[in-house]
Amino acid sequence: MAWSIRDGDGFHICRALCAFGGENMTREEVETALNKIRPALQADGGNVELVALEGNVVKVKLTGACGGCPMSQMTLKMGIEKILKQEIPSVEAVESV
């Protein structure tokens, strides 16, 4: 399914909705995607916990060694968020709580 709108210059902007049933994501889908990431985090003594889904924003908590790591924001944005967006196209952002 897709929808389109016309912007001020007359160009069509189309957006394909994700394959997971529209724009809504489920905890199960997010947990499945996080399970693909966890082995790498656990290898370094850390982990990630799903805290909440707020709209298309995933809220997570980095635990273990990842919780206090100075590179945790890089792990969050360039690792976890990147993979979640690939796996679940409706994910707009991943935030740490």
N, C-alpha and C. Protein backbone atom coordinates (compact mmCIF):
# COMPACT_ATOMS: atom_id res chain seq x y z
N MET A 1 0.85 -1.16 0.00
CA MET A 1 0.00 0.00 0.00
C MET A 1 0.90 1.23 0.00
N ALA A 2 0.51 2.25 -0.69
CA ALA A 2 1.27 3.50 -0.71
C ALA A 2 0.31 4.67 -0.79
N TRP A 3 0.79 5.83 -0.42
CA TRP A 3 -0.01 7.03 -0.53
C TRP A 3 0.86 8.11 -1.11
N SER A 4 0.26 9.11 -1.65
CA SER A 4 1.07 10.21 -2.18
C SER A 4 0.36 11.53 -1.89
N ILE A 5 1.18 12.57 -1.82
CA ILE A 5 0.66 13.92 -1.67
C ILE A 5 1.34 14.80 -2.70
N ARG A 6 0.77 15.93 -2.96
CA ARG A 6 1.37 16.85 -3.93
C ARG A 6 1.92 18.04 -3.14
N ASP A 7 3.23 18.31 -3.35
CA ASP A 7 3.80 19.46 -2.64
C ASP A 7 3.55 20.73 -3.43
N GLY A 8 4.05 21.85 -2.96
CA GLY A 8 3.78 23.14 -3.58
C GLY A 8 4.25 23.26 -5.01
N ASP A 9 5.27 22.53 -5.41
CA ASP A 9 5.79 22.60 -6.77
C ASP A 9 5.13 21.59 -7.71
N GLY A 10 4.18 20.82 -7.20
CA GLY A 10 3.49 19.88 -8.05
C GLY A 10 4.14 18.51 -8.15
N PHE A 11 5.20 18.28 -7.42
CA PHE A 11 5.84 16.98 -7.45
C PHE A 11 5.08 16.01 -6.55
N HIS A 12 5.01 14.78 -6.97
CA HIS A 12 4.38 13.76 -6.14
C HIS A 12 5.41 13.20 -5.18
N ILE A 13 5.01 13.05 -3.95
CA ILE A 13 5.87 12.44 -2.93
C ILE A 13 5.18 11.15 -2.52
N CYS A 14 5.80 10.04 -2.82
CA CYS A 14 5.20 8.74 -2.49
C CYS A 14 5.99 8.07 -1.38
N ARG A 15 5.29 7.34 -0.58
CA ARG A 15 5.94 6.63 0.52
C ARG A 15 5.31 5.26 0.63
N ALA A 16 6.12 4.22 0.48
CA ALA A 16 5.61 2.86 0.64
C ALA A 16 5.50 2.57 2.13
N LEU A 17 4.40 2.03 2.53
CA LEU A 17 4.23 1.67 3.93
C LEU A 17 4.95 0.36 4.19
N CYS A 18 5.35 0.17 5.42
CA CYS A 18 6.16 -0.99 5.74
C CYS A 18 5.39 -2.30 5.56
N ALA A 19 6.13 -3.38 5.46
CA ALA A 19 5.55 -4.70 5.22
C ALA A 19 4.94 -5.29 6.48
N PHE A 20 5.02 -4.58 7.59
CA PHE A 20 4.53 -5.11 8.86
C PHE A 20 3.13 -4.60 9.18
N GLY A 21 2.30 -4.49 8.18
CA GLY A 21 0.91 -4.14 8.43
C GLY A 21 0.68 -2.66 8.63
N GLY A 22 1.13 -1.85 7.72
CA GLY A 22 0.92 -0.42 7.84
C GLY A 22 2.05 0.24 8.61
N GLU A 23 1.71 1.31 9.32
CA GLU A 23 2.75 2.06 10.01
C GLU A 23 2.95 1.61 11.44
N ASN A 24 2.15 0.68 11.92
CA ASN A 24 2.28 0.24 13.30
C ASN A 24 3.27 -0.90 13.41
N MET A 25 4.06 -0.86 14.45
CA MET A 25 4.99 -1.95 14.73
C MET A 25 4.58 -2.59 16.05
N THR A 26 4.96 -3.84 16.22
CA THR A 26 4.62 -4.53 17.46
C THR A 26 5.86 -4.78 18.27
N ARG A 27 5.66 -5.02 19.56
CA ARG A 27 6.78 -5.35 20.45
C ARG A 27 7.49 -6.60 19.94
N GLU A 28 6.71 -7.55 19.44
CA GLU A 28 7.29 -8.81 18.94
C GLU A 28 8.25 -8.54 17.77
N GLU A 29 7.85 -7.68 16.84
CA GLU A 29 8.71 -7.35 15.70
C GLU A 29 9.99 -6.67 16.16
N VAL A 30 9.87 -5.76 17.11
CA VAL A 30 11.05 -5.06 17.61
C VAL A 30 11.95 -6.02 18.37
N GLU A 31 11.38 -6.88 19.20
CA GLU A 31 12.18 -7.86 19.95
C GLU A 31 12.91 -8.80 18.98
N THR A 32 12.24 -9.21 17.90
CA THR A 32 12.88 -10.09 16.91
C THR A 32 14.08 -9.40 16.29
N ALA A 33 13.94 -8.13 15.95
CA ALA A 33 15.05 -7.37 15.38
C ALA A 33 16.16 -7.17 16.41
N LEU A 34 15.80 -6.87 17.66
CA LEU A 34 16.81 -6.70 18.71
C LEU A 34 17.57 -7.98 18.96
N ASN A 35 16.91 -9.13 18.81
CA ASN A 35 17.58 -10.41 19.00
C ASN A 35 18.71 -10.63 17.99
N LYS A 36 18.65 -9.95 16.86
CA LYS A 36 19.73 -10.03 15.87
C LYS A 36 20.94 -9.20 16.30
N ILE A 37 20.69 -8.20 17.12
CA ILE A 37 21.74 -7.28 17.58
C ILE A 37 22.39 -7.78 18.87
N ARG A 38 21.61 -8.42 19.71
CA ARG A 38 22.07 -8.79 21.06
C ARG A 38 23.38 -9.57 21.10
N PRO A 39 23.62 -10.55 20.23
CA PRO A 39 24.88 -11.29 20.34
C PRO A 39 26.13 -10.41 20.28
N ALA A 40 26.11 -9.40 19.44
CA ALA A 40 27.26 -8.49 19.35
C ALA A 40 27.42 -7.68 20.63
N LEU A 41 26.31 -7.23 21.20
CA LEU A 41 26.38 -6.47 22.45
C LEU A 41 26.82 -7.37 23.60
N GLN A 42 26.29 -8.57 23.64
CA GLN A 42 26.62 -9.51 24.71
C GLN A 42 28.08 -9.95 24.65
N ALA A 43 28.65 -9.98 23.45
CA ALA A 43 30.06 -10.35 23.31
C ALA A 43 30.97 -9.34 24.01
N ASP A 44 30.49 -8.10 24.15
CA ASP A 44 31.25 -7.05 24.83
C ASP A 44 30.75 -6.80 26.25
N GLY A 45 29.90 -7.70 26.76
CA GLY A 45 29.42 -7.57 28.14
C GLY A 45 28.21 -6.68 28.32
N GLY A 46 27.52 -6.35 27.24
CA GLY A 46 26.36 -5.48 27.32
C GLY A 46 25.10 -6.15 26.82
N ASN A 47 24.05 -5.37 26.72
CA ASN A 47 22.78 -5.85 26.20
C ASN A 47 21.89 -4.64 25.95
N VAL A 48 20.72 -4.91 25.37
CA VAL A 48 19.72 -3.87 25.12
C VAL A 48 18.37 -4.39 25.57
N GLU A 49 17.60 -3.52 26.22
CA GLU A 49 16.28 -3.87 26.74
C GLU A 49 15.26 -2.95 26.10
N LEU A 50 14.20 -3.52 25.54
CA LEU A 50 13.11 -2.73 24.99
C LEU A 50 12.28 -2.19 26.14
N VAL A 51 12.15 -0.87 26.20
CA VAL A 51 11.40 -0.22 27.27
C VAL A 51 9.99 0.14 26.82
N ALA A 52 9.87 0.78 25.65
CA ALA A 52 8.55 1.22 25.19
C ALA A 52 8.56 1.49 23.70
N LEU A 53 7.36 1.48 23.14
CA LEU A 53 7.13 1.93 21.78
C LEU A 53 6.19 3.13 21.88
N GLU A 54 6.64 4.26 21.37
CA GLU A 54 5.82 5.48 21.40
C GLU A 54 5.69 5.96 19.97
N GLY A 55 4.55 5.65 19.36
CA GLY A 55 4.38 5.95 17.94
C GLY A 55 5.35 5.12 17.15
N ASN A 56 6.18 5.77 16.37
CA ASN A 56 7.19 5.07 15.59
C ASN A 56 8.59 5.24 16.19
N VAL A 57 8.63 5.56 17.47
CA VAL A 57 9.90 5.71 18.19
C VAL A 57 10.06 4.54 19.15
N VAL A 58 11.23 3.90 19.07
CA VAL A 58 11.55 2.78 19.95
C VAL A 58 12.41 3.31 21.10
N LYS A 59 11.99 3.04 22.32
CA LYS A 59 12.75 3.46 23.51
C LYS A 59 13.43 2.21 24.08
N VAL A 60 14.74 2.30 24.24
CA VAL A 60 15.52 1.18 24.74
C VAL A 60 16.41 1.62 25.89
N LYS A 61 16.90 0.65 26.62
CA LYS A 61 17.88 0.89 27.68
C LYS A 61 19.07 0.00 27.41
N LEU A 62 20.24 0.61 27.31
CA LEU A 62 21.48 -0.16 27.17
C LEU A 62 21.91 -0.59 28.56
N THR A 63 22.24 -1.86 28.72
CA THR A 63 22.58 -2.41 30.03
C THR A 63 23.97 -3.03 30.01
N GLY A 64 24.42 -3.42 31.18
CA GLY A 64 25.74 -4.03 31.31
C GLY A 64 26.82 -3.05 30.92
N ALA A 65 27.85 -3.55 30.24
CA ALA A 65 28.97 -2.71 29.83
C ALA A 65 28.53 -1.59 28.89
N CYS A 66 27.47 -1.82 28.14
CA CYS A 66 26.98 -0.80 27.19
C CYS A 66 26.36 0.39 27.91
N GLY A 67 25.81 0.17 29.09
CA GLY A 67 25.15 1.23 29.83
C GLY A 67 26.06 2.38 30.20
N GLY A 68 27.29 2.11 30.53
CA GLY A 68 28.22 3.16 30.93
C GLY A 68 29.31 3.44 29.92
N CYS A 69 29.20 2.86 28.76
CA CYS A 69 30.24 3.01 27.74
C CYS A 69 30.19 4.39 27.11
N PRO A 70 31.35 5.04 26.93
CA PRO A 70 31.37 6.35 26.29
C PRO A 70 30.94 6.31 24.82
N MET A 71 30.92 5.14 24.22
CA MET A 71 30.52 4.99 22.82
C MET A 71 29.06 4.54 22.69
N SER A 72 28.30 4.61 23.79
CA SER A 72 26.93 4.08 23.77
C SER A 72 26.03 4.81 22.77
N GLN A 73 26.20 6.11 22.58
CA GLN A 73 25.37 6.83 21.61
C GLN A 73 25.68 6.40 20.18
N MET A 74 26.94 6.09 19.93
CA MET A 74 27.33 5.57 18.61
C MET A 74 26.71 4.19 18.40
N THR A 75 26.76 3.36 19.42
CA THR A 75 26.13 2.03 19.35
C THR A 75 24.64 2.17 19.11
N LEU A 76 24.02 3.11 19.81
CA LEU A 76 22.58 3.31 19.69
C LEU A 76 22.18 3.76 18.28
N LYS A 77 22.83 4.79 17.77
CA LYS A 77 22.42 5.38 16.49
C LYS A 77 22.96 4.63 15.28
N MET A 78 24.24 4.28 15.29
CA MET A 78 24.85 3.66 14.12
C MET A 78 24.69 2.14 14.10
N GLY A 79 24.30 1.58 15.22
CA GLY A 79 24.11 0.13 15.29
C GLY A 79 22.66 -0.23 15.44
N ILE A 80 22.12 -0.01 16.63
CA ILE A 80 20.76 -0.44 16.95
C ILE A 80 19.73 0.26 16.06
N GLU A 81 19.78 1.58 15.98
CA GLU A 81 18.79 2.31 15.17
C GLU A 81 18.89 1.92 13.70
N LYS A 82 20.09 1.81 13.18
CA LYS A 82 20.28 1.47 11.77
C LYS A 82 19.67 0.10 11.45
N ILE A 83 19.92 -0.87 12.29
CA ILE A 83 19.40 -2.21 12.05
C ILE A 83 17.88 -2.26 12.22
N LEU A 84 17.37 -1.60 13.25
CA LEU A 84 15.92 -1.58 13.43
C LEU A 84 15.21 -0.92 12.25
N LYS A 85 15.77 0.15 11.72
CA LYS A 85 15.17 0.81 10.57
C LYS A 85 15.21 -0.08 9.33
N GLN A 86 16.25 -0.89 9.19
CA GLN A 86 16.33 -1.82 8.07
C GLN A 86 15.29 -2.93 8.21
N GLU A 87 15.14 -3.43 9.42
CA GLU A 87 14.24 -4.54 9.67
C GLU A 87 12.77 -4.11 9.72
N ILE A 88 12.52 -2.91 10.24
CA ILE A 88 11.14 -2.42 10.41
C ILE A 88 11.11 -1.00 9.85
N PRO A 89 10.72 -0.84 8.60
CA PRO A 89 10.76 0.47 7.96
C PRO A 89 9.97 1.58 8.65
N SER A 90 8.99 1.24 9.45
CA SER A 90 8.20 2.28 10.12
C SER A 90 8.92 2.90 11.32
N VAL A 91 10.05 2.34 11.74
CA VAL A 91 10.82 2.92 12.84
C VAL A 91 11.39 4.25 12.38
N GLU A 92 11.07 5.31 13.12
CA GLU A 92 11.60 6.64 12.81
C GLU A 92 12.85 6.95 13.60
N ALA A 93 12.91 6.48 14.84
CA ALA A 93 14.06 6.77 15.70
C ALA A 93 14.14 5.75 16.82
N VAL A 94 15.34 5.63 17.38
CA VAL A 94 15.57 4.83 18.57
C VAL A 94 16.18 5.76 19.60
N GLU A 95 15.61 5.78 20.79
CA GLU A 95 16.09 6.66 21.86
C GLU A 95 16.44 5.84 23.09
N SER A 96 17.46 6.29 23.79
CA SER A 96 17.87 5.66 25.04
C SER A 96 17.15 6.32 26.20
N VAL A 97 16.70 5.50 27.15
CA VAL A 97 16.03 6.04 28.35
C VAL A 97 16.79 5.59 29.58
